[in-house]
């Protein structure tokens, strides 16, 4: 990647980002291989986080498998919104088939409070001087939408969406859609040292 890492890190950490994003690695049957403490709290609320395996079994199969079937199984990222207590969360399930992944891991799931991704896209837009329409494409891309779905939401053609994505990739110095998403999430959840 050819972006200015120092400038990105400095600008992205200026605002306070959500401290707790849930992260889960699951196998092809949605059995959890790893879950951080925040994911356990989100999935089990208001119960004890030690009940995570049974709570995730219900949530993973009920919510994510329905969405992944709509998105051609594990071929593309799926995005769902759900409630945990009174809080609204967004879950993004990312298939790991094309990544150098840990053995047995098939899906990475990120759980975050609703709206955090939009905030990340806003900071990215400011940092890399994206236009309003480019920012809108990035926000929809983060949600796991296809070019056709983005085009429908923005009332533009899929070719125009592809053009916006190419312009964003050029500005960020990446060559894939997942590179865009990676930069947004890296900026949101990197806990490294802040630069002065």
Protein backbone atom coordinates (compact mmCIF):
# COMPACT_ATOMS: atom_id res chain seq x y z
CA UNK A 1 0.00 0.00 0.00
CA UNK A 2 1.25 3.40 -0.90
CA UNK A 3 -0.55 5.71 1.53
CA UNK A 4 1.16 8.02 3.97
CA UNK A 5 0.85 5.85 7.07
CA UNK A 6 1.97 8.50 9.55
CA UNK A 7 -0.48 11.11 8.25
CA UNK A 8 -3.30 8.56 8.16
CA UNK A 9 -2.65 7.33 11.69
CA UNK A 10 -2.37 10.85 13.08
CA UNK A 11 -5.58 12.07 11.44
CA UNK A 12 -7.55 8.92 12.16
CA UNK A 13 -6.71 9.00 15.89
CA UNK A 14 -7.67 12.65 16.33
CA UNK A 15 -11.26 11.71 17.18
CA UNK A 16 -12.15 9.14 19.78
CA UNK A 17 -13.03 5.88 18.05
CA UNK A 18 -15.13 3.11 19.47
CA UNK A 19 -13.01 1.44 22.09
CA UNK A 20 -14.60 -1.92 21.69
CA UNK A 21 -15.10 -3.62 18.39
CA UNK A 22 -16.02 -7.25 18.65
CA UNK A 23 -13.92 -9.63 16.57
CA UNK A 24 -14.73 -13.29 15.92
CA UNK A 25 -13.00 -15.93 13.79
CA UNK A 26 -15.32 -18.78 12.82
CA UNK A 27 -15.06 -21.96 10.77
CA UNK A 28 -17.26 -22.89 7.79
CA UNK A 29 -20.01 -24.10 10.16
CA UNK A 30 -19.93 -20.80 12.12
CA UNK A 31 -18.32 -22.42 15.17
CA UNK A 32 -16.18 -19.80 16.93
CA UNK A 33 -12.44 -20.37 16.84
CA UNK A 34 -11.63 -17.07 18.55
CA UNK A 35 -13.61 -14.18 20.02
CA UNK A 36 -12.29 -11.13 21.82
CA UNK A 37 -13.87 -10.01 25.09
CA UNK A 38 -15.92 -7.25 23.45
CA UNK A 39 -17.48 -9.72 21.00
CA UNK A 40 -18.42 -11.97 23.90
CA UNK A 41 -20.07 -9.07 25.72
CA UNK A 42 -21.98 -7.93 22.62
CA UNK A 43 -23.26 -11.39 21.72
CA UNK A 44 -24.25 -12.46 25.25
CA UNK A 45 -25.65 -9.20 26.68
CA UNK A 46 -27.25 -9.10 29.29
CA UNK A 47 -26.06 -12.62 30.17
CA UNK A 48 -22.62 -13.66 31.39
CA UNK A 49 -19.96 -13.58 28.60
CA UNK A 50 -19.06 -17.18 29.53
CA UNK A 51 -22.27 -18.18 27.72
CA UNK A 52 -20.73 -16.99 24.44
CA UNK A 53 -20.52 -20.36 22.60
CA UNK A 54 -24.26 -21.08 22.93
CA UNK A 55 -25.29 -17.46 22.25
CA UNK A 56 -23.03 -17.28 19.18
CA UNK A 57 -24.39 -20.59 17.88
CA UNK A 58 -27.85 -19.01 17.75
CA UNK A 59 -26.74 -15.63 16.42
CA UNK A 60 -24.24 -16.87 13.86
CA UNK A 61 -26.60 -19.37 12.33
CA UNK A 62 -29.73 -17.22 12.55
CA UNK A 63 -28.40 -13.90 11.35
CA UNK A 64 -25.24 -14.41 9.34
CA UNK A 65 -26.09 -17.59 7.46
CA UNK A 66 -29.33 -16.03 6.21
CA UNK A 67 -27.37 -13.07 4.91
CA UNK A 68 -24.54 -15.15 3.44
CA UNK A 69 -27.06 -17.29 1.52
CA UNK A 70 -28.41 -14.11 -0.02
CA UNK A 71 -24.82 -13.12 -0.93
CA UNK A 72 -23.84 -16.44 -2.58
CA UNK A 73 -22.65 -18.28 0.53
CA UNK A 74 -19.18 -17.27 1.71
CA UNK A 75 -18.18 -15.70 -1.61
CA UNK A 76 -18.73 -12.10 -0.50
CA UNK A 77 -18.90 -10.08 2.69
CA UNK A 78 -22.27 -9.90 4.40
CA UNK A 79 -23.53 -7.04 6.50
CA UNK A 80 -26.28 -7.24 9.12
CA UNK A 81 -27.73 -4.96 11.74
CA UNK A 82 -28.96 -6.36 15.05
CA UNK A 83 -29.87 -5.32 18.59
CA UNK A 84 -28.01 -6.30 21.73
CA UNK A 85 -30.02 -4.95 24.61
CA UNK A 86 -31.03 -1.45 23.47
CA UNK A 87 -27.89 -0.90 21.40
CA UNK A 88 -27.89 -1.24 17.64
CA UNK A 89 -24.88 -3.03 16.18
CA UNK A 90 -23.54 -3.73 12.73
CA UNK A 91 -21.94 -7.06 11.97
CA UNK A 92 -19.67 -7.52 8.98
CA UNK A 93 -18.80 -11.11 8.07
CA UNK A 94 -15.77 -11.28 5.79
CA UNK A 95 -14.91 -14.56 4.02
CA UNK A 96 -11.25 -15.47 4.40
CA UNK A 97 -10.92 -17.82 1.42
CA UNK A 98 -8.69 -15.41 -0.55
CA UNK A 99 -6.56 -14.30 2.42
CA UNK A 100 -3.62 -15.99 4.07
CA UNK A 101 -5.79 -17.18 6.92
CA UNK A 102 -5.26 -19.25 10.04
CA UNK A 103 -5.98 -22.96 9.46
CA UNK A 104 -9.70 -23.80 9.79
CA UNK A 105 -10.76 -20.13 9.89
CA UNK A 106 -13.30 -19.39 7.17
CA UNK A 107 -14.92 -16.13 8.30
CA UNK A 108 -13.86 -13.04 10.23
CA UNK A 109 -16.71 -11.15 11.88
CA UNK A 110 -16.45 -7.56 13.08
CA UNK A 111 -19.17 -6.32 15.44
CA UNK A 112 -19.43 -2.59 16.14
CA UNK A 113 -21.91 0.01 17.30
CA UNK A 114 -23.97 1.26 14.40
CA UNK A 115 -22.55 4.44 12.90
CA UNK A 116 -18.87 3.80 13.65
CA UNK A 117 -18.13 2.79 10.04
CA UNK A 118 -19.70 6.00 8.76
CA UNK A 119 -17.50 7.96 11.14
CA UNK A 120 -14.48 6.05 9.81
CA UNK A 121 -15.48 6.84 6.23
CA UNK A 122 -15.85 10.53 7.17
CA UNK A 123 -12.32 10.63 8.61
CA UNK A 124 -10.97 8.79 5.59
CA UNK A 125 -12.70 11.30 3.32
CA UNK A 126 -11.13 14.19 5.16
CA UNK A 127 -7.68 12.62 5.25
CA UNK A 128 -7.61 11.72 1.56
CA UNK A 129 -9.76 14.57 0.18
CA UNK A 130 -12.55 12.35 -1.13
CA UNK A 131 -15.58 13.96 -2.70
CA UNK A 132 -19.00 13.58 -1.08
CA UNK A 133 -20.03 10.95 -3.65
CA UNK A 134 -16.76 9.03 -3.17
CA UNK A 135 -17.40 9.05 0.58
CA UNK A 136 -20.92 7.72 0.01
CA UNK A 137 -19.52 4.88 -2.12
CA UNK A 138 -16.99 4.05 0.63
CA UNK A 139 -19.75 3.97 3.29
CA UNK A 140 -21.82 1.56 1.18
CA UNK A 141 -18.74 -0.51 0.32
CA UNK A 142 -17.99 -0.92 4.03
CA UNK A 143 -21.50 -2.34 4.44
CA UNK A 144 -20.54 -5.13 2.04
CA UNK A 145 -22.75 -4.02 -0.85
CA UNK A 146 -22.03 -4.98 -4.46
CA UNK A 147 -21.54 -2.40 -7.21
CA UNK A 148 -25.08 -3.06 -8.41
CA UNK A 149 -26.52 -2.56 -4.91
CA UNK A 150 -24.48 0.63 -4.42
CA UNK A 151 -25.72 1.90 -7.80
CA UNK A 152 -29.32 1.26 -6.77
CA UNK A 153 -28.91 3.13 -3.47
CA UNK A 154 -27.13 6.09 -5.08
CA UNK A 155 -29.36 6.13 -8.17
CA UNK A 156 -26.39 5.89 -10.55
CA UNK A 157 -25.15 3.21 -12.95
CA UNK A 158 -22.87 0.34 -11.86
CA UNK A 159 -20.25 1.71 -14.28
CA UNK A 160 -20.28 5.02 -12.41
CA UNK A 161 -19.85 3.12 -9.13
CA UNK A 162 -16.82 1.33 -10.62
CA UNK A 163 -15.40 4.70 -11.66
CA UNK A 164 -15.85 6.10 -8.13
CA UNK A 165 -14.19 3.00 -6.64
CA UNK A 166 -11.24 3.33 -9.04
CA UNK A 167 -10.83 7.01 -8.07
CA UNK A 168 -10.93 6.14 -4.35
CA UNK A 169 -8.41 3.32 -4.85
CA UNK A 170 -6.12 5.76 -6.66
CA UNK A 171 -6.34 8.32 -3.87
CA UNK A 172 -5.69 5.70 -1.19
CA UNK A 173 -2.96 3.91 -3.12
CA UNK A 174 -4.65 0.50 -3.02
CA UNK A 175 -5.66 -1.83 -5.83
CA UNK A 176 -8.70 -3.64 -4.42
CA UNK A 177 -12.06 -2.94 -2.81
CA UNK A 178 -10.92 -4.82 0.29
CA UNK A 179 -7.92 -2.46 0.45
CA UNK A 180 -10.33 0.46 0.88
CA UNK A 181 -12.23 -1.35 3.65
CA UNK A 182 -8.95 -2.35 5.28
CA UNK A 183 -7.74 1.25 5.47
CA UNK A 184 -11.02 2.41 7.03
CA UNK A 185 -11.00 -0.33 9.68
CA UNK A 186 -7.28 -0.01 10.29
CA UNK A 187 -7.72 3.68 11.05
CA UNK A 188 -10.68 2.97 13.33
CA UNK A 189 -9.19 0.18 15.40
CA UNK A 190 -5.44 0.63 15.38
CA UNK A 191 -4.28 1.16 18.91
CA UNK A 192 -0.69 2.07 18.09
CA UNK A 193 1.18 5.11 19.32
CA UNK A 194 -0.16 8.49 18.32
CA UNK A 195 2.27 10.71 16.51
CA UNK A 196 2.81 14.30 17.55
